[in-house]
Amino acid sequence: MQENPENPWEIRPARNPREQRQALSLMISENEPEAKERELEKIFASVRKGQLDLTHLLIATTGRNILAAQLMIAQQDKTAILWPAAIDPAFPGEAPNNPHLLESIQETLLKKTILLAQKEACVQIQTTVEHDDTTRSAFYERNGLPAIGELLYMQRPASRCPPTDNPCESRTDLEQTEDALKLVPVTEGISDEFLGELLQGTYIESADFPELQHNHDAYRSLLTHRLQGEYHPKHWFVIKQNETAAGVLFFSWHPDIEQWELTYLGILPEFRGKGIAGKAIGKSFQDSSRNNNPVFLGVDSRNHYAIKVYESHGFVLLSRQRVHVLLTG
């Protein structure tokens, strides 16, 4: 359905693989055709594996050409992740007498996305913007998605040890030393009920985006974490101190970039300030499968304690992004 009779374009979901590919190609920053094609293949591979859903890939189209595109992903934890709108670079030349048309299209895409998120019962809509992209950040501010903080992406480079044949196979068992701290894989009889309760406890007074803590549901979060890269339960750990559960540490594998992601590290409030997080990270890197491949993570820039812990284990800053959020629940 047309948005405005004066504008010969409509906004609707991409209806077929051809439209999906054309829309996503606008959203990929790679300029070289071969590099862009590789990124597209990675995206469609994730779709085939059930890790990515293109149901809410919206396009602004004249019927012949796609002028703009935006993707919203409704996660299991009821968070809607928004891929920022992308405009066909050739499009502005088609409307030189209407300087407000591009922003109008972006605003309409965003409004429709918010409606879709509400229909999916999402409790928050979240997107990230490059730290120096003040124009896009200001657009979200004007349209009801304020910036709540900055997300730091950090990476620990691979060690110089010989690489493993299969990064998802542990080459050495985690050495359980006599310092009373253990990492117990969830494969060792740990139920989702226990893991969910433990995860929920780690959210209490967390320094990672405290504005969002009241929206966390641990059981739905478990489902979301399992869709971040490849889920291997033997690389999900309960952290135990003196045989008592003190926190959790989750890793997932990203085969397309051959890197691990530290998807979540959380410690119960009563165990914080005792160096447990740092010891757990150090112990996890005794496993050569993680030691021989880069590991990346995201952390709230205000979580100074966590950042120092990560830096002490070789993580370095890769990039900074503003986090914009609209709370709908």
C-alpha atoms as a PDB file:
ATOM      1  CA  MET A   1       0.000   0.000   0.000  1.00  0.00           C
ATOM      2  CA  GLN A   2       1.396   3.418  -0.960  1.00  0.00           C
ATOM      3  CA  GLU A   3       2.457   5.658   1.949  1.00  0.00           C
ATOM      4  CA  ASN A   4       1.589   8.949   0.235  1.00  0.00           C
ATOM      5  CA  PRO A   5      -0.113   9.528  -3.129  1.00  0.00           C
ATOM      6  CA  GLU A   6       2.523  12.162  -3.926  1.00  0.00           C
ATOM      7  CA  ASN A   7       5.334   9.598  -3.515  1.00  0.00           C
ATOM      8  CA  PRO A   8       5.419   6.613  -5.882  1.00  0.00           C
ATOM      9  CA  TRP A   9       6.818   4.204  -3.310  1.00  0.00           C
ATOM     10  CA  GLU A  10       5.477   1.764  -0.742  1.00  0.00           C
ATOM     11  CA  ILE A  11       6.939   0.033   2.285  1.00  0.00           C
ATOM     12  CA  ARG A  12       6.393  -3.702   2.673  1.00  0.00           C
ATOM     13  CA  PRO A  13       8.272  -6.909   3.544  1.00  0.00           C
ATOM     14  CA  ALA A  14      10.666  -8.351   0.954  1.00  0.00           C
ATOM     15  CA  ARG A  15       8.578 -11.048  -0.739  1.00  0.00           C
ATOM     16  CA  ASN A  16      11.107 -13.405  -2.301  1.00  0.00           C
ATOM     17  CA  PRO A  17      14.816 -14.335  -2.268  1.00  0.00           C
ATOM     18  CA  ARG A  18      15.583 -11.904  -5.095  1.00  0.00           C
ATOM     19  CA  GLU A  19      14.160  -8.974  -3.128  1.00  0.00           C
ATOM     20  CA  GLN A  20      15.842 -10.186   0.057  1.00  0.00           C
ATOM     21  CA  ARG A  21      19.228 -10.347  -1.675  1.00  0.00           C
ATOM     22  CA  GLN A  22      18.784  -6.912  -3.240  1.00  0.00           C
ATOM     23  CA  ALA A  23      17.702  -5.380   0.080  1.00  0.00           C
ATOM     24  CA  LEU A  24      20.505  -6.965   2.089  1.00  0.00           C
ATOM     25  CA  SER A  25      23.096  -5.903  -0.466  1.00  0.00           C
ATOM     26  CA  LEU A  26      22.177  -2.294   0.359  1.00  0.00           C
ATOM     27  CA  MET A  27      22.811  -2.994   4.043  1.00  0.00           C
ATOM     28  CA  ILE A  28      26.271  -4.532   3.602  1.00  0.00           C
ATOM     29  CA  SER A  29      29.067  -1.991   3.867  1.00  0.00           C
ATOM     30  CA  GLU A  30      31.496  -3.923   1.645  1.00  0.00           C
ATOM     31  CA  ASN A  31      32.123  -2.145  -1.658  1.00  0.00           C
ATOM     32  CA  GLU A  32      33.961  -4.875  -3.555  1.00  0.00           C
ATOM     33  CA  PRO A  33      31.454  -7.159  -5.352  1.00  0.00           C
ATOM     34  CA  GLU A  34      33.234 -10.361  -4.311  1.00  0.00           C
ATOM     35  CA  ALA A  35      33.413  -9.302  -0.664  1.00  0.00           C
ATOM     36  CA  LYS A  36      29.746  -8.272  -0.706  1.00  0.00           C
ATOM     37  CA  GLU A  37      28.773 -11.628  -2.212  1.00  0.00           C
ATOM     38  CA  ARG A  38      30.680 -13.470   0.530  1.00  0.00           C
ATOM     39  CA  GLU A  39      28.823 -11.481   3.183  1.00  0.00           C
ATOM     40  CA  LEU A  40      25.493 -12.252   1.527  1.00  0.00           C
ATOM     41  CA  GLU A  41      26.289 -15.956   1.488  1.00  0.00           C
ATOM     42  CA  LYS A  42      27.132 -15.830   5.210  1.00  0.00           C
ATOM     43  CA  ILE A  43      23.781 -14.179   5.909  1.00  0.00           C
ATOM     44  CA  PHE A  44      21.795 -16.722   3.903  1.00  0.00           C
ATOM     45  CA  ALA A  45      23.758 -19.554   5.527  1.00  0.00           C
ATOM     46  CA  SER A  46      22.619 -18.202   8.915  1.00  0.00           C
ATOM     47  CA  VAL A  47      19.047 -18.117   7.608  1.00  0.00           C
ATOM     48  CA  ARG A  48      19.257 -21.765   6.528  1.00  0.00           C
ATOM     49  CA  LYS A  49      20.583 -22.740   9.960  1.00  0.00           C
ATOM     50  CA  GLY A  50      17.715 -20.946  11.697  1.00  0.00           C
ATOM     51  CA  GLN A  51      20.068 -18.385  13.268  1.00  0.00           C
ATOM     52  CA  LEU A  52      18.615 -15.437  11.357  1.00  0.00           C
ATOM     53  CA  ASP A  53      15.030 -14.633  10.370  1.00  0.00           C
ATOM     54  CA  LEU A  54      14.273 -12.350   7.408  1.00  0.00           C
ATOM     55  CA  THR A  55      10.519 -12.202   8.042  1.00  0.00           C
ATOM     56  CA  HIS A  56      10.761  -8.544   9.055  1.00  0.00           C
ATOM     57  CA  LEU A  57      13.061  -7.360   6.270  1.00  0.00           C
ATOM     58  CA  LEU A  58      11.233  -4.234   5.088  1.00  0.00           C
ATOM     59  CA  ILE A  59      11.807  -2.469   1.785  1.00  0.00           C
ATOM     60  CA  ALA A  60      10.782   0.859   0.314  1.00  0.00           C
ATOM     61  CA  THR A  61      10.094   0.165  -3.339  1.00  0.00           C
ATOM     62  CA  THR A  62       8.667   1.765  -6.449  1.00  0.00           C
ATOM     63  CA  GLY A  63       7.643  -1.677  -7.679  1.00  0.00           C
ATOM     64  CA  ARG A  64      10.683  -1.897  -9.928  1.00  0.00           C
ATOM     65  CA  ASN A  65      13.514  -0.709  -7.694  1.00  0.00           C
ATOM     66  CA  ILE A  66      14.269  -1.043  -3.993  1.00  0.00           C
ATOM     67  CA  LEU A  67      15.057   2.416  -2.669  1.00  0.00           C
ATOM     68  CA  ALA A  68      15.769   1.519   0.955  1.00  0.00           C
ATOM     69  CA  ALA A  69      15.750  -1.453   3.327  1.00  0.00           C
ATOM     70  CA  GLN A  70      15.685  -2.170   7.050  1.00  0.00           C
ATOM     71  CA  LEU A  71      15.777  -5.424   9.017  1.00  0.00           C
ATOM     72  CA  MET A  72      14.265  -6.119  12.431  1.00  0.00           C
ATOM     73  CA  ILE A  73      15.046  -9.383  14.225  1.00  0.00           C
ATOM     74  CA  ALA A  74      12.680 -10.409  17.030  1.00  0.00           C
ATOM     75  CA  GLN A  75      14.806 -12.432  19.429  1.00  0.00           C
ATOM     76  CA  GLN A  76      13.681 -15.154  21.810  1.00  0.00           C
ATOM     77  CA  ASP A  77      14.322 -12.852  24.787  1.00  0.00           C
ATOM     78  CA  LYS A  78      11.730 -10.403  23.394  1.00  0.00           C
ATOM     79  CA  THR A  79      14.379  -7.914  22.290  1.00  0.00           C
ATOM     80  CA  ALA A  80      13.980  -6.542  18.765  1.00  0.00           C
ATOM     81  CA  ILE A  81      17.364  -5.968  17.130  1.00  0.00           C
ATOM     82  CA  LEU A  82      17.269  -3.310  14.447  1.00  0.00           C
ATOM     83  CA  TRP A  83      19.671  -3.200  11.526  1.00  0.00           C
ATOM     84  CA  PRO A  84      19.793   0.499  10.542  1.00  0.00           C
ATOM     85  CA  ALA A  85      18.054   1.495   7.329  1.00  0.00           C
ATOM     86  CA  ALA A  86      20.169   1.600   4.182  1.00  0.00           C
ATOM     87  CA  ILE A  87      19.409   3.820   1.201  1.00  0.00           C
ATOM     88  CA  ASP A  88      20.303   3.011  -2.405  1.00  0.00           C
ATOM     89  CA  PRO A  89      23.154   5.473  -3.116  1.00  0.00           C
ATOM     90  CA  ALA A  90      21.683   6.117  -6.570  1.00  0.00           C
ATOM     91  CA  PHE A  91      18.314   7.100  -5.138  1.00  0.00           C
ATOM     92  CA  PRO A  92      18.956  10.726  -4.024  1.00  0.00           C
ATOM     93  CA  GLY A  93      19.607  11.702  -7.622  1.00  0.00           C
ATOM     94  CA  GLU A  94      16.086  10.610  -8.486  1.00  0.00           C
ATOM     95  CA  ALA A  95      14.520  13.144  -6.099  1.00  0.00           C
ATOM     96  CA  PRO A  96      16.614  16.345  -6.217  1.00  0.00           C
ATOM     97  CA  ASN A  97      13.584  18.548  -5.555  1.00  0.00           C
ATOM     98  CA  ASN A  98      12.529  16.757  -2.383  1.00  0.00           C
ATOM     99  CA  PRO A  99      15.342  16.970   0.211  1.00  0.00           C
ATOM    100  CA  HIS A 100      13.068  15.601   2.955  1.00  0.00           C
ATOM    101  CA  LEU A 101      12.103  12.453   1.070  1.00  0.00           C
ATOM    102  CA  LEU A 102      15.005  10.312   2.292  1.00  0.00           C
ATOM    103  CA  GLU A 103      14.358  11.089   5.949  1.00  0.00           C
ATOM    104  CA  SER A 104      10.639  10.537   5.384  1.00  0.00           C
ATOM    105  CA  ILE A 105      11.330   7.052   4.060  1.00  0.00           C
ATOM    106  CA  GLN A 106      13.641   6.243   6.980  1.00  0.00           C
ATOM    107  CA  GLU A 107      11.084   7.517   9.481  1.00  0.00           C
ATOM    108  CA  THR A 108       8.332   5.444   7.882  1.00  0.00           C
ATOM    109  CA  LEU A 109      10.532   2.331   7.903  1.00  0.00           C
ATOM    110  CA  LEU A 110      11.271   2.896  11.580  1.00  0.00           C
ATOM    111  CA  LYS A 111       7.617   3.439  12.512  1.00  0.00           C
ATOM    112  CA  LYS A 112       6.555   0.259  10.712  1.00  0.00           C
ATOM    113  CA  THR A 113       9.381  -1.625  12.432  1.00  0.00           C
ATOM    114  CA  ILE A 114       8.206  -0.433  15.842  1.00  0.00           C
ATOM    115  CA  LEU A 115       4.688  -1.662  15.054  1.00  0.00           C
ATOM    116  CA  LEU A 116       6.067  -5.054  13.997  1.00  0.00           C
ATOM    117  CA  ALA A 117       8.082  -5.314  17.218  1.00  0.00           C
ATOM    118  CA  GLN A 118       4.997  -4.533  19.280  1.00  0.00           C
ATOM    119  CA  LYS A 119       3.023  -7.202  17.415  1.00  0.00           C
ATOM    120  CA  GLU A 120       5.805  -9.655  18.305  1.00  0.00           C
ATOM    121  CA  ALA A 121       5.370  -8.629  21.976  1.00  0.00           C
ATOM    122  CA  CYS A 122       8.953  -7.357  22.127  1.00  0.00           C
ATOM    123  CA  VAL A 123       9.744  -5.408  25.285  1.00  0.00           C
ATOM    124  CA  GLN A 124      12.504  -3.318  23.749  1.00  0.00           C
ATOM    125  CA  ILE A 125      13.877  -2.267  20.363  1.00  0.00           C
ATOM    126  CA  GLN A 126      17.639  -1.918  20.216  1.00  0.00           C
ATOM    127  CA  THR A 127      20.141  -0.767  17.610  1.00  0.00           C
ATOM    128  CA  THR A 128      23.779   0.277  17.564  1.00  0.00           C
ATOM    129  CA  VAL A 129      25.416   3.141  15.704  1.00  0.00           C
ATOM    130  CA  GLU A 130      29.098   3.769  14.998  1.00  0.00           C
ATOM    131  CA  HIS A 131      30.513   6.126  17.607  1.00  0.00           C
ATOM    132  CA  ASP A 132      31.302   8.869  15.087  1.00  0.00           C
ATOM    133  CA  ASP A 133      28.027   8.602  13.126  1.00  0.00           C
ATOM    134  CA  THR A 134      26.379  11.565  14.808  1.00  0.00           C
ATOM    135  CA  THR A 135      23.852  12.039  11.977  1.00  0.00           C
ATOM    136  CA  ARG A 136      22.310   8.589  12.380  1.00  0.00           C
ATOM    137  CA  SER A 137      22.454   8.849  16.154  1.00  0.00           C
ATOM    138  CA  ALA A 138      20.582  12.173  16.028  1.00  0.00           C
ATOM    139  CA  PHE A 139      17.957  10.571  13.756  1.00  0.00           C
ATOM    140  CA  TYR A 140      17.214   7.886  16.363  1.00  0.00           C
ATOM    141  CA  GLU A 141      17.111  10.476  19.138  1.00  0.00           C
ATOM    142  CA  ARG A 142      14.503  12.468  17.201  1.00  0.00           C
ATOM    143  CA  ASN A 143      12.415   9.357  16.626  1.00  0.00           C
ATOM    144  CA  GLY A 144      12.170   8.022  20.164  1.00  0.00           C
ATOM    145  CA  LEU A 145      15.243   5.777  20.472  1.00  0.00           C
ATOM    146  CA  PRO A 146      17.553   7.579  22.914  1.00  0.00           C
ATOM    147  CA  ALA A 147      21.167   6.557  23.360  1.00  0.00           C
ATOM    148  CA  ILE A 148      21.635   4.818  26.716  1.00  0.00           C
ATOM    149  CA  GLY A 149      25.358   4.147  26.558  1.00  0.00           C
ATOM    150  CA  GLU A 150      28.264   2.865  24.499  1.00  0.00           C
ATOM    151  CA  LEU A 151      29.145  -0.723  23.669  1.00  0.00           C
ATOM    152  CA  LEU A 152      32.835  -1.547  23.409  1.00  0.00           C
ATOM    153  CA  TYR A 153      33.839  -4.399  21.130  1.00  0.00           C
ATOM    154  CA  MET A 154      37.042  -6.042  22.324  1.00  0.00           C
ATOM    155  CA  GLN A 155      39.126  -8.893  20.959  1.00  0.00           C
ATOM    156  CA  ARG A 156      41.778 -11.209  22.324  1.00  0.00           C
ATOM    157  CA  PRO A 157      44.142 -12.210  19.509  1.00  0.00           C
ATOM    158  CA  ALA A 158      45.024 -15.864  18.969  1.00  0.00           C
ATOM    159  CA  SER A 159      48.025 -17.242  20.825  1.00  0.00           C
ATOM    160  CA  ARG A 160      51.097 -18.570  19.070  1.00  0.00           C
ATOM    161  CA  CYS A 161      50.285 -22.167  19.932  1.00  0.00           C
ATOM    162  CA  PRO A 162      49.778 -24.602  17.015  1.00  0.00           C
ATOM    163  CA  PRO A 163      46.200 -24.317  15.665  1.00  0.00           C
ATOM    164  CA  THR A 164      43.632 -27.006  16.356  1.00  0.00           C
ATOM    165  CA  ASP A 165      42.096 -29.087  13.579  1.00  0.00           C
ATOM    166  CA  ASN A 166      38.612 -28.535  14.990  1.00  0.00           C
ATOM    167  CA  PRO A 167      38.269 -25.420  17.148  1.00  0.00           C
ATOM    168  CA  CYS A 168      35.102 -26.777  18.763  1.00  0.00           C
ATOM    169  CA  GLU A 169      36.950 -29.816  20.120  1.00  0.00           C
ATOM    170  CA  SER A 170      38.849 -29.321  23.372  1.00  0.00           C
ATOM    171  CA  ARG A 171      42.459 -30.406  22.963  1.00  0.00           C
ATOM    172  CA  THR A 172      43.198 -30.288  26.696  1.00  0.00           C
ATOM    173  CA  ASP A 173      40.851 -30.575  29.636  1.00  0.00           C
ATOM    174  CA  LEU A 174      40.443 -27.486  31.757  1.00  0.00           C
ATOM    175  CA  GLU A 175      42.919 -27.828  34.578  1.00  0.00           C
ATOM    176  CA  GLN A 176      40.925 -27.783  37.782  1.00  0.00           C
ATOM    177  CA  THR A 177      43.532 -26.432  40.177  1.00  0.00           C
ATOM    178  CA  GLU A 178      43.347 -26.350  43.948  1.00  0.00           C
ATOM    179  CA  ASP A 179      42.312 -22.695  44.055  1.00  0.00           C
ATOM    180  CA  ALA A 180      38.713 -23.823  44.710  1.00  0.00           C
ATOM    181  CA  LEU A 181      37.422 -22.368  41.429  1.00  0.00           C
ATOM    182  CA  LYS A 182      36.030 -24.706  38.791  1.00  0.00           C
ATOM    183  CA  LEU A 183      34.396 -24.360  35.394  1.00  0.00           C
ATOM    184  CA  VAL A 184      31.718 -27.009  35.018  1.00  0.00           C
ATOM    185  CA  PRO A 185      30.364 -27.564  31.470  1.00  0.00           C
ATOM    186  CA  VAL A 186      26.574 -27.606  31.286  1.00  0.00           C
ATOM    187  CA  THR A 187      26.898 -31.052  29.711  1.00  0.00           C
ATOM    188  CA  GLU A 188      27.600 -32.376  33.209  1.00  0.00           C
ATOM    189  CA  GLY A 189      23.959 -32.724  34.235  1.00  0.00           C
ATOM    190  CA  ILE A 190      23.126 -29.030  34.581  1.00  0.00           C
ATOM    191  CA  SER A 191      19.467 -28.390  33.796  1.00  0.00           C
ATOM    192  CA  ASP A 192      18.074 -25.368  31.992  1.00  0.00           C
ATOM    193  CA  GLU A 193      15.980 -24.621  35.079  1.00  0.00           C
ATOM    194  CA  PHE A 194      19.083 -24.376  37.269  1.00  0.00           C
ATOM    195  CA  LEU A 195      21.010 -22.472  34.600  1.00  0.00           C
ATOM    196  CA  GLY A 196      18.149 -20.000  34.107  1.00  0.00           C
ATOM    197  CA  GLU A 197      17.874 -19.268  37.832  1.00  0.00           C
ATOM    198  CA  LEU A 198      21.622 -18.762  38.049  1.00  0.00           C
ATOM    199  CA  LEU A 199      21.644 -16.497  34.999  1.00  0.00           C
ATOM    200  CA  GLN A 200      18.777 -14.412  36.414  1.00  0.00           C
ATOM    201  CA  GLY A 201      20.734 -13.917  39.623  1.00  0.00           C
ATOM    202  CA  THR A 202      23.718 -12.525  37.717  1.00  0.00           C
ATOM    203  CA  TYR A 203      21.543  -9.738  36.287  1.00  0.00           C
ATOM    204  CA  ILE A 204      20.991  -8.248  39.762  1.00  0.00           C
ATOM    205  CA  GLU A 205      22.784  -4.876  40.039  1.00  0.00           C
ATOM    206  CA  SER A 206      24.811  -5.669  36.918  1.00  0.00           C
ATOM    207  CA  ALA A 207      26.995  -2.855  35.575  1.00  0.00           C
ATOM    208  CA  ASP A 208      26.236  -3.844  31.967  1.00  0.00           C
ATOM    209  CA  PHE A 209      23.439  -1.555  30.744  1.00  0.00           C
ATOM    210  CA  PRO A 210      21.521  -1.406  34.049  1.00  0.00           C
ATOM    211  CA  GLU A 211      18.734   0.505  32.258  1.00  0.00           C
ATOM    212  CA  LEU A 212      17.698  -2.802  30.654  1.00  0.00           C
ATOM    213  CA  GLN A 213      17.943  -5.144  33.621  1.00  0.00           C
ATOM    214  CA  HIS A 214      14.240  -5.122  34.466  1.00  0.00           C
ATOM    215  CA  ASN A 215      13.444  -6.397  30.968  1.00  0.00           C
ATOM    216  CA  HIS A 216      15.670  -9.476  31.212  1.00  0.00           C
ATOM    217  CA  ASP A 217      14.046 -12.893  31.302  1.00  0.00           C
ATOM    218  CA  ALA A 218      16.775 -15.477  31.856  1.00  0.00           C
ATOM    219  CA  TYR A 219      14.978 -18.421  30.278  1.00  0.00           C
ATOM    220  CA  ARG A 220      14.319 -16.521  27.057  1.00  0.00           C
ATOM    221  CA  SER A 221      17.880 -15.166  27.200  1.00  0.00           C
ATOM    222  CA  LEU A 222      19.219 -18.726  27.188  1.00  0.00           C
ATOM    223  CA  LEU A 223      17.453 -19.323  23.868  1.00  0.00           C
ATOM    224  CA  THR A 224      18.899 -16.125  22.418  1.00  0.00           C
ATOM    225  CA  HIS A 225      22.459 -16.920  23.555  1.00  0.00           C
ATOM    226  CA  ARG A 226      22.212 -20.315  21.862  1.00  0.00           C
ATOM    227  CA  LEU A 227      21.513 -18.618  18.535  1.00  0.00           C
ATOM    228  CA  GLN A 228      24.616 -16.426  18.726  1.00  0.00           C
ATOM    229  CA  GLY A 229      26.981 -18.303  16.457  1.00  0.00           C
ATOM    230  CA  GLU A 230      27.239 -22.075  16.875  1.00  0.00           C
ATOM    231  CA  TYR A 231      26.110 -23.364  20.263  1.00  0.00           C
ATOM    232  CA  HIS A 232      28.367 -26.023  21.811  1.00  0.00           C
ATOM    233  CA  PRO A 233      27.206 -26.890  25.358  1.00  0.00           C
ATOM    234  CA  LYS A 234      30.643 -28.062  26.452  1.00  0.00           C
ATOM    235  CA  HIS A 235      31.777 -24.448  26.011  1.00  0.00           C
ATOM    236  CA  TRP A 236      29.062 -23.147  28.343  1.00  0.00           C
ATOM    237  CA  PHE A 237      30.162 -23.192  31.969  1.00  0.00           C
ATOM    238  CA  VAL A 238      28.827 -22.801  35.463  1.00  0.00           C
ATOM    239  CA  ILE A 239      31.505 -21.105  37.574  1.00  0.00           C
ATOM    240  CA  LYS A 240      31.847 -22.791  40.958  1.00  0.00           C
ATOM    241  CA  GLN A 241      33.702 -21.448  43.960  1.00  0.00           C
ATOM    242  CA  ASN A 242      34.219 -23.993  46.736  1.00  0.00           C
ATOM    243  CA  GLU A 243      31.613 -26.199  44.983  1.00  0.00           C
ATOM    244  CA  THR A 244      29.007 -23.417  45.114  1.00  0.00           C
ATOM    245  CA  ALA A 245      27.630 -21.927  41.894  1.00  0.00           C
ATOM    246  CA  ALA A 246      28.958 -18.369  41.607  1.00  0.00           C
ATOM    247  CA  GLY A 247      28.227 -17.403  37.996  1.00  0.00           C
ATOM    248  CA  VAL A 248      28.200 -18.427  34.344  1.00  0.00           C
ATOM    249  CA  LEU A 249      30.543 -18.129  31.380  1.00  0.00           C
ATOM    250  CA  PHE A 250      29.289 -18.761  27.820  1.00  0.00           C
ATOM    251  CA  PHE A 251      31.261 -19.056  24.579  1.00  0.00           C
ATOM    252  CA  SER A 252      29.949 -19.583  21.044  1.00  0.00           C
ATOM    253  CA  TRP A 253      31.834 -20.387  17.841  1.00  0.00           C
ATOM    254  CA  HIS A 254      31.576 -18.313  14.647  1.00  0.00           C
ATOM    255  CA  PRO A 255      32.856 -20.529  11.800  1.00  0.00           C
ATOM    256  CA  ASP A 256      32.523 -17.814   9.141  1.00  0.00           C
ATOM    257  CA  ILE A 257      35.211 -15.701  10.835  1.00  0.00           C
ATOM    258  CA  GLU A 258      36.888 -18.546  12.784  1.00  0.00           C
ATOM    259  CA  GLN A 259      36.525 -16.729  16.085  1.00  0.00           C
ATOM    260  CA  TRP A 260      35.001 -17.418  19.462  1.00  0.00           C
ATOM    261  CA  GLU A 261      32.576 -15.000  21.066  1.00  0.00           C
ATOM    262  CA  LEU A 262      32.422 -14.600  24.813  1.00  0.00           C
ATOM    263  CA  THR A 263      28.672 -14.122  24.738  1.00  0.00           C
ATOM    264  CA  TYR A 264      28.108 -13.745  28.466  1.00  0.00           C
ATOM    265  CA  LEU A 265      30.010 -13.618  31.745  1.00  0.00           C
ATOM    266  CA  GLY A 266      28.007 -13.001  34.901  1.00  0.00           C
ATOM    267  CA  ILE A 267      28.767 -13.343  38.618  1.00  0.00           C
ATOM    268  CA  LEU A 268      26.233 -13.467  41.447  1.00  0.00           C
ATOM    269  CA  PRO A 269      26.289 -10.319  43.625  1.00  0.00           C
ATOM    270  CA  GLU A 270      27.548 -12.115  46.734  1.00  0.00           C
ATOM    271  CA  PHE A 271      30.622 -13.383  44.852  1.00  0.00           C
ATOM    272  CA  ARG A 272      31.638 -10.124  43.196  1.00  0.00           C
ATOM    273  CA  GLY A 273      34.833  -8.309  44.102  1.00  0.00           C
ATOM    274  CA  LYS A 274      36.699 -11.548  44.804  1.00  0.00           C
ATOM    275  CA  GLY A 275      38.510 -11.892  41.476  1.00  0.00           C
ATOM    276  CA  ILE A 276      36.322 -14.792  40.364  1.00  0.00           C
ATOM    277  CA  ALA A 277      35.555 -13.366  36.909  1.00  0.00           C
ATOM    278  CA  GLY A 278      39.233 -12.926  36.084  1.00  0.00           C
ATOM    279  CA  LYS A 279      40.129 -16.391  37.342  1.00  0.00           C
ATOM    280  CA  ALA A 280      37.297 -17.919  35.311  1.00  0.00           C
ATOM    281  CA  ILE A 281      38.468 -16.225  32.118  1.00  0.00           C
ATOM    282  CA  GLY A 282      42.056 -17.287  32.756  1.00  0.00           C
ATOM    283  CA  LYS A 283      41.018 -20.867  33.394  1.00  0.00           C
ATOM    284  CA  SER A 284      38.881 -20.926  30.248  1.00  0.00           C
ATOM    285  CA  PHE A 285      41.942 -20.114  28.128  1.00  0.00           C
ATOM    286  CA  GLN A 286      43.688 -23.240  29.348  1.00  0.00           C
ATOM    287  CA  ASP A 287      41.562 -24.907  26.686  1.00  0.00           C
ATOM    288  CA  SER A 288      43.720 -24.717  23.557  1.00  0.00           C
ATOM    289  CA  SER A 289      40.677 -24.517  21.256  1.00  0.00           C
ATOM    290  CA  ARG A 290      40.001 -21.008  22.600  1.00  0.00           C
ATOM    291  CA  ASN A 291      43.652 -20.109  23.039  1.00  0.00           C
ATOM    292  CA  ASN A 292      44.434 -20.691  19.351  1.00  0.00           C
ATOM    293  CA  ASN A 293      41.620 -18.590  17.892  1.00  0.00           C
ATOM    294  CA  PRO A 294      40.656 -14.941  18.429  1.00  0.00           C
ATOM    295  CA  VAL A 295      37.938 -14.277  20.995  1.00  0.00           C
ATOM    296  CA  PHE A 296      35.708 -11.192  20.877  1.00  0.00           C
ATOM    297  CA  LEU A 297      33.067  -9.707  23.177  1.00  0.00           C
ATOM    298  CA  GLY A 298      30.932  -6.647  23.824  1.00  0.00           C
ATOM    299  CA  VAL A 299      30.868  -4.727  27.106  1.00  0.00           C
ATOM    300  CA  ASP A 300      29.225  -1.555  28.452  1.00  0.00           C
ATOM    301  CA  SER A 301      31.799   1.264  28.397  1.00  0.00           C
ATOM    302  CA  ARG A 302      30.721   2.179  31.959  1.00  0.00           C
ATOM    303  CA  ASN A 303      31.628  -1.272  33.293  1.00  0.00           C
ATOM    304  CA  HIS A 304      35.167  -0.244  34.183  1.00  0.00           C
ATOM    305  CA  TYR A 305      35.853  -3.269  36.373  1.00  0.00           C
ATOM    306  CA  ALA A 306      34.962  -5.740  33.612  1.00  0.00           C
ATOM    307  CA  ILE A 307      37.010  -3.817  31.052  1.00  0.00           C
ATOM    308  CA  LYS A 308      40.092  -3.982  33.299  1.00  0.00           C
ATOM    309  CA  VAL A 309      39.568  -7.722  33.754  1.00  0.00           C
ATOM    310  CA  TYR A 310      39.320  -8.269  30.007  1.00  0.00           C
ATOM    311  CA  GLU A 311      42.370  -6.086  29.322  1.00  0.00           C
ATOM    312  CA  SER A 312      44.375  -8.082  31.870  1.00  0.00           C
ATOM    313  CA  HIS A 313      43.679 -11.192  29.776  1.00  0.00           C
ATOM    314  CA  GLY A 314      44.831  -9.684  26.501  1.00  0.00           C
ATOM    315  CA  PHE A 315      41.631  -8.145  25.124  1.00  0.00           C
ATOM    316  CA  VAL A 316      42.087  -4.914  23.162  1.00  0.00           C
ATOM    317  CA  LEU A 317      39.564  -2.364  21.919  1.00  0.00           C
ATOM    318  CA  LEU A 318      38.240  -2.883  18.374  1.00  0.00           C
ATOM    319  CA  SER A 319      35.424  -0.332  18.110  1.00  0.00           C
ATOM    320  CA  ARG A 320      32.866   1.741  20.005  1.00  0.00           C
ATOM    321  CA  GLN A 321      29.166   1.919  19.187  1.00  0.00           C
ATOM    322  CA  ARG A 322      26.301   3.906  20.662  1.00  0.00           C
ATOM    323  CA  VAL A 323      23.377   1.822  21.873  1.00  0.00           C
ATOM    324  CA  HIS A 324      19.917   3.252  21.144  1.00  0.00           C
ATOM    325  CA  VAL A 325      16.906   1.681  22.832  1.00  0.00           C
ATOM    326  CA  LEU A 326      13.149   2.117  22.836  1.00  0.00           C
ATOM    327  CA  LEU A 327      11.418   0.366  25.754  1.00  0.00           C
ATOM    328  CA  THR A 328       8.029  -0.917  24.645  1.00  0.00           C
ATOM    329  CA  GLY A 329       7.176  -3.304  27.481  1.00  0.00           C
END
